[in-house]
Amino acid sequence: MPHPPCPACTLEDVLSHSDHWECATCGHEWPKAAAAEVARIVKDAHGNVLADGDTVTLIKDLKLRGGSGVLKGGTKAKNIRLVDGDHEIDCRIDGTAMALKACFVKKG
């Protein structure tokens, strides 16, 4: 299990004990069971926190896998949904379902 960031100071300098985690920086301790309940924070290319239902804009042109199409920078995706996996965002662009990485979008 990878070390979760500290819920108190958000740093990743965490020590693992048999039944709990301990932050080496601030000393905060929390049970390992609580680590599964912590919601994943997804940030855009500029560091803004994204949430379900947000509107995002592509910051660069992206090639579509399996074809010769391109999503142009500046294209907006409304009502996004955050998911787990290598692509953090599920959305629809021009009626087509897309999976995007958060590092290629900005909130707005």
C-alpha atoms as a PDB file:
ATOM      1  CA  MET A   1       0.000   0.000   0.000  1.00  0.00           C
ATOM      2  CA  PRO A   2       1.522   3.367  -0.948  1.00  0.00           C
ATOM      3  CA  HIS A   3       1.881   5.939   1.786  1.00  0.00           C
ATOM      4  CA  PRO A   4      -1.028   8.412   1.791  1.00  0.00           C
ATOM      5  CA  PRO A   5      -0.280  12.115   2.315  1.00  0.00           C
ATOM      6  CA  CYS A   6      -0.767  13.481   5.827  1.00  0.00           C
ATOM      7  CA  PRO A   7      -4.355  14.751   6.274  1.00  0.00           C
ATOM      8  CA  ALA A   8      -3.125  17.532   8.574  1.00  0.00           C
ATOM      9  CA  CYS A   9      -0.233  19.056   6.595  1.00  0.00           C
ATOM     10  CA  THR A  10      -0.618  17.237   3.192  1.00  0.00           C
ATOM     11  CA  LEU A  11       3.084  16.343   3.059  1.00  0.00           C
ATOM     12  CA  GLU A  12       4.083  12.843   1.992  1.00  0.00           C
ATOM     13  CA  ASP A  13       6.802  12.202   4.611  1.00  0.00           C
ATOM     14  CA  VAL A  14       4.753   9.463   6.310  1.00  0.00           C
ATOM     15  CA  LEU A  15       5.878   6.558   8.490  1.00  0.00           C
ATOM     16  CA  SER A  16       4.008   3.256   8.464  1.00  0.00           C
ATOM     17  CA  HIS A  17       3.231   1.442  11.728  1.00  0.00           C
ATOM     18  CA  SER A  18       1.327  -1.820  12.110  1.00  0.00           C
ATOM     19  CA  ASP A  19      -2.065  -0.186  12.744  1.00  0.00           C
ATOM     20  CA  HIS A  20      -1.609   3.515  11.971  1.00  0.00           C
ATOM     21  CA  TRP A  21       0.251   6.129   9.906  1.00  0.00           C
ATOM     22  CA  GLU A  22       2.437   8.868  11.404  1.00  0.00           C
ATOM     23  CA  CYS A  23       3.575  12.071   9.718  1.00  0.00           C
ATOM     24  CA  ALA A  24       7.314  12.573  10.280  1.00  0.00           C
ATOM     25  CA  THR A  25       6.948  16.322   9.679  1.00  0.00           C
ATOM     26  CA  CYS A  26       4.063  17.389  11.927  1.00  0.00           C
ATOM     27  CA  GLY A  27       3.640  14.275  14.133  1.00  0.00           C
ATOM     28  CA  HIS A  28      -0.037  13.722  13.225  1.00  0.00           C
ATOM     29  CA  GLU A  29      -1.198  10.098  13.628  1.00  0.00           C
ATOM     30  CA  TRP A  30      -4.234   8.452  12.022  1.00  0.00           C
ATOM     31  CA  PRO A  31      -5.480   4.850  11.655  1.00  0.00           C
ATOM     32  CA  LYS A  32      -4.731   2.937   8.463  1.00  0.00           C
ATOM     33  CA  ALA A  33      -8.442   2.212   7.994  1.00  0.00           C
ATOM     34  CA  ALA A  34      -9.085   5.956   7.615  1.00  0.00           C
ATOM     35  CA  ALA A  35      -6.674   6.153   4.677  1.00  0.00           C
ATOM     36  CA  ALA A  36      -9.169   4.336   2.458  1.00  0.00           C
ATOM     37  CA  GLU A  37     -11.840   6.931   3.298  1.00  0.00           C
ATOM     38  CA  VAL A  38      -9.755   9.936   2.207  1.00  0.00           C
ATOM     39  CA  ALA A  39     -11.043  11.329  -1.071  1.00  0.00           C
ATOM     40  CA  ARG A  40      -8.537  11.689  -3.872  1.00  0.00           C
ATOM     41  CA  ILE A  41      -7.729  15.286  -4.767  1.00  0.00           C
ATOM     42  CA  VAL A  42      -7.418  15.993  -8.488  1.00  0.00           C
ATOM     43  CA  LYS A  43      -5.738  19.235  -9.588  1.00  0.00           C
ATOM     44  CA  ASP A  44      -5.627  20.842 -13.026  1.00  0.00           C
ATOM     45  CA  ALA A  45      -2.488  22.058 -14.826  1.00  0.00           C
ATOM     46  CA  HIS A  46      -2.468  25.275 -12.758  1.00  0.00           C
ATOM     47  CA  GLY A  47      -2.990  23.601  -9.368  1.00  0.00           C
ATOM     48  CA  ASN A  48      -6.721  24.338  -8.995  1.00  0.00           C
ATOM     49  CA  VAL A  49      -8.730  21.563  -7.320  1.00  0.00           C
ATOM     50  CA  LEU A  50     -11.275  19.929  -9.638  1.00  0.00           C
ATOM     51  CA  ALA A  51     -14.661  18.520  -8.580  1.00  0.00           C
ATOM     52  CA  ASP A  52     -17.482  16.606 -10.254  1.00  0.00           C
ATOM     53  CA  GLY A  53     -19.614  18.893 -12.409  1.00  0.00           C
ATOM     54  CA  ASP A  54     -16.870  21.448 -13.165  1.00  0.00           C
ATOM     55  CA  THR A  55     -16.191  22.865 -16.611  1.00  0.00           C
ATOM     56  CA  VAL A  56     -12.641  22.494 -17.919  1.00  0.00           C
ATOM     57  CA  THR A  57     -10.761  23.804 -20.952  1.00  0.00           C
ATOM     58  CA  LEU A  58      -7.971  22.002 -22.817  1.00  0.00           C
ATOM     59  CA  ILE A  59      -4.654  23.861 -22.574  1.00  0.00           C
ATOM     60  CA  LYS A  60      -3.075  22.238 -25.654  1.00  0.00           C
ATOM     61  CA  ASP A  61      -3.965  20.239 -28.758  1.00  0.00           C
ATOM     62  CA  LEU A  62      -4.380  16.527 -28.008  1.00  0.00           C
ATOM     63  CA  LYS A  63      -4.239  13.723 -30.560  1.00  0.00           C
ATOM     64  CA  LEU A  64      -7.047  11.196 -30.330  1.00  0.00           C
ATOM     65  CA  ARG A  65      -5.956   7.616 -29.890  1.00  0.00           C
ATOM     66  CA  GLY A  66      -6.924   5.273 -32.703  1.00  0.00           C
ATOM     67  CA  GLY A  67      -7.540   7.927 -35.318  1.00  0.00           C
ATOM     68  CA  SER A  68      -6.254  11.011 -37.008  1.00  0.00           C
ATOM     69  CA  GLY A  69      -8.474  13.425 -35.078  1.00  0.00           C
ATOM     70  CA  VAL A  70      -7.258  16.201 -32.802  1.00  0.00           C
ATOM     71  CA  LEU A  71      -8.896  17.973 -29.876  1.00  0.00           C
ATOM     72  CA  LYS A  72      -7.944  21.629 -30.197  1.00  0.00           C
ATOM     73  CA  GLY A  73      -6.636  23.646 -27.282  1.00  0.00           C
ATOM     74  CA  GLY A  74      -9.405  25.838 -25.877  1.00  0.00           C
ATOM     75  CA  THR A  75     -12.085  23.155 -26.289  1.00  0.00           C
ATOM     76  CA  LYS A  76     -14.419  23.090 -23.286  1.00  0.00           C
ATOM     77  CA  ALA A  77     -15.781  20.046 -21.515  1.00  0.00           C
ATOM     78  CA  LYS A  78     -18.767  20.708 -19.256  1.00  0.00           C
ATOM     79  CA  ASN A  79     -20.035  18.641 -16.350  1.00  0.00           C
ATOM     80  CA  ILE A  80     -16.932  16.481 -15.853  1.00  0.00           C
ATOM     81  CA  ARG A  81     -16.805  13.387 -13.668  1.00  0.00           C
ATOM     82  CA  LEU A  82     -13.692  12.453 -11.665  1.00  0.00           C
ATOM     83  CA  VAL A  83     -12.673   8.797 -11.761  1.00  0.00           C
ATOM     84  CA  ASP A  84      -9.810   6.629 -10.523  1.00  0.00           C
ATOM     85  CA  GLY A  85      -7.222   5.469 -12.999  1.00  0.00           C
ATOM     86  CA  ASP A  86      -4.542   6.889 -15.245  1.00  0.00           C
ATOM     87  CA  HIS A  87      -7.033   9.345 -16.816  1.00  0.00           C
ATOM     88  CA  GLU A  88      -8.706  11.244 -13.979  1.00  0.00           C
ATOM     89  CA  ILE A  89     -11.534  12.937 -15.942  1.00  0.00           C
ATOM     90  CA  ASP A  90     -14.496  11.421 -17.801  1.00  0.00           C
ATOM     91  CA  CYS A  91     -16.459  13.855 -19.943  1.00  0.00           C
ATOM     92  CA  ARG A  92     -18.276  14.356 -23.224  1.00  0.00           C
ATOM     93  CA  ILE A  93     -16.894  16.625 -25.936  1.00  0.00           C
ATOM     94  CA  ASP A  94     -19.166  17.203 -28.944  1.00  0.00           C
ATOM     95  CA  GLY A  95     -21.276  14.208 -27.893  1.00  0.00           C
ATOM     96  CA  THR A  96     -18.308  11.807 -27.736  1.00  0.00           C
ATOM     97  CA  ALA A  97     -17.182  10.242 -24.458  1.00  0.00           C
ATOM     98  CA  MET A  98     -13.584  11.162 -23.572  1.00  0.00           C
ATOM     99  CA  ALA A  99     -11.122  10.320 -20.815  1.00  0.00           C
ATOM    100  CA  LEU A 100      -8.650  13.132 -20.088  1.00  0.00           C
ATOM    101  CA  LYS A 101      -5.656  13.597 -17.838  1.00  0.00           C
ATOM    102  CA  ALA A 102      -5.958  16.524 -15.446  1.00  0.00           C
ATOM    103  CA  CYS A 103      -2.527  17.863 -16.430  1.00  0.00           C
ATOM    104  CA  PHE A 104      -3.913  18.880 -19.860  1.00  0.00           C
ATOM    105  CA  VAL A 105      -6.880  20.948 -18.636  1.00  0.00           C
ATOM    106  CA  LYS A 106      -7.553  24.116 -16.696  1.00  0.00           C
ATOM    107  CA  LYS A 107     -10.604  24.864 -14.594  1.00  0.00           C
ATOM    108  CA  GLY A 108     -12.988  27.433 -15.936  1.00  0.00           C
END
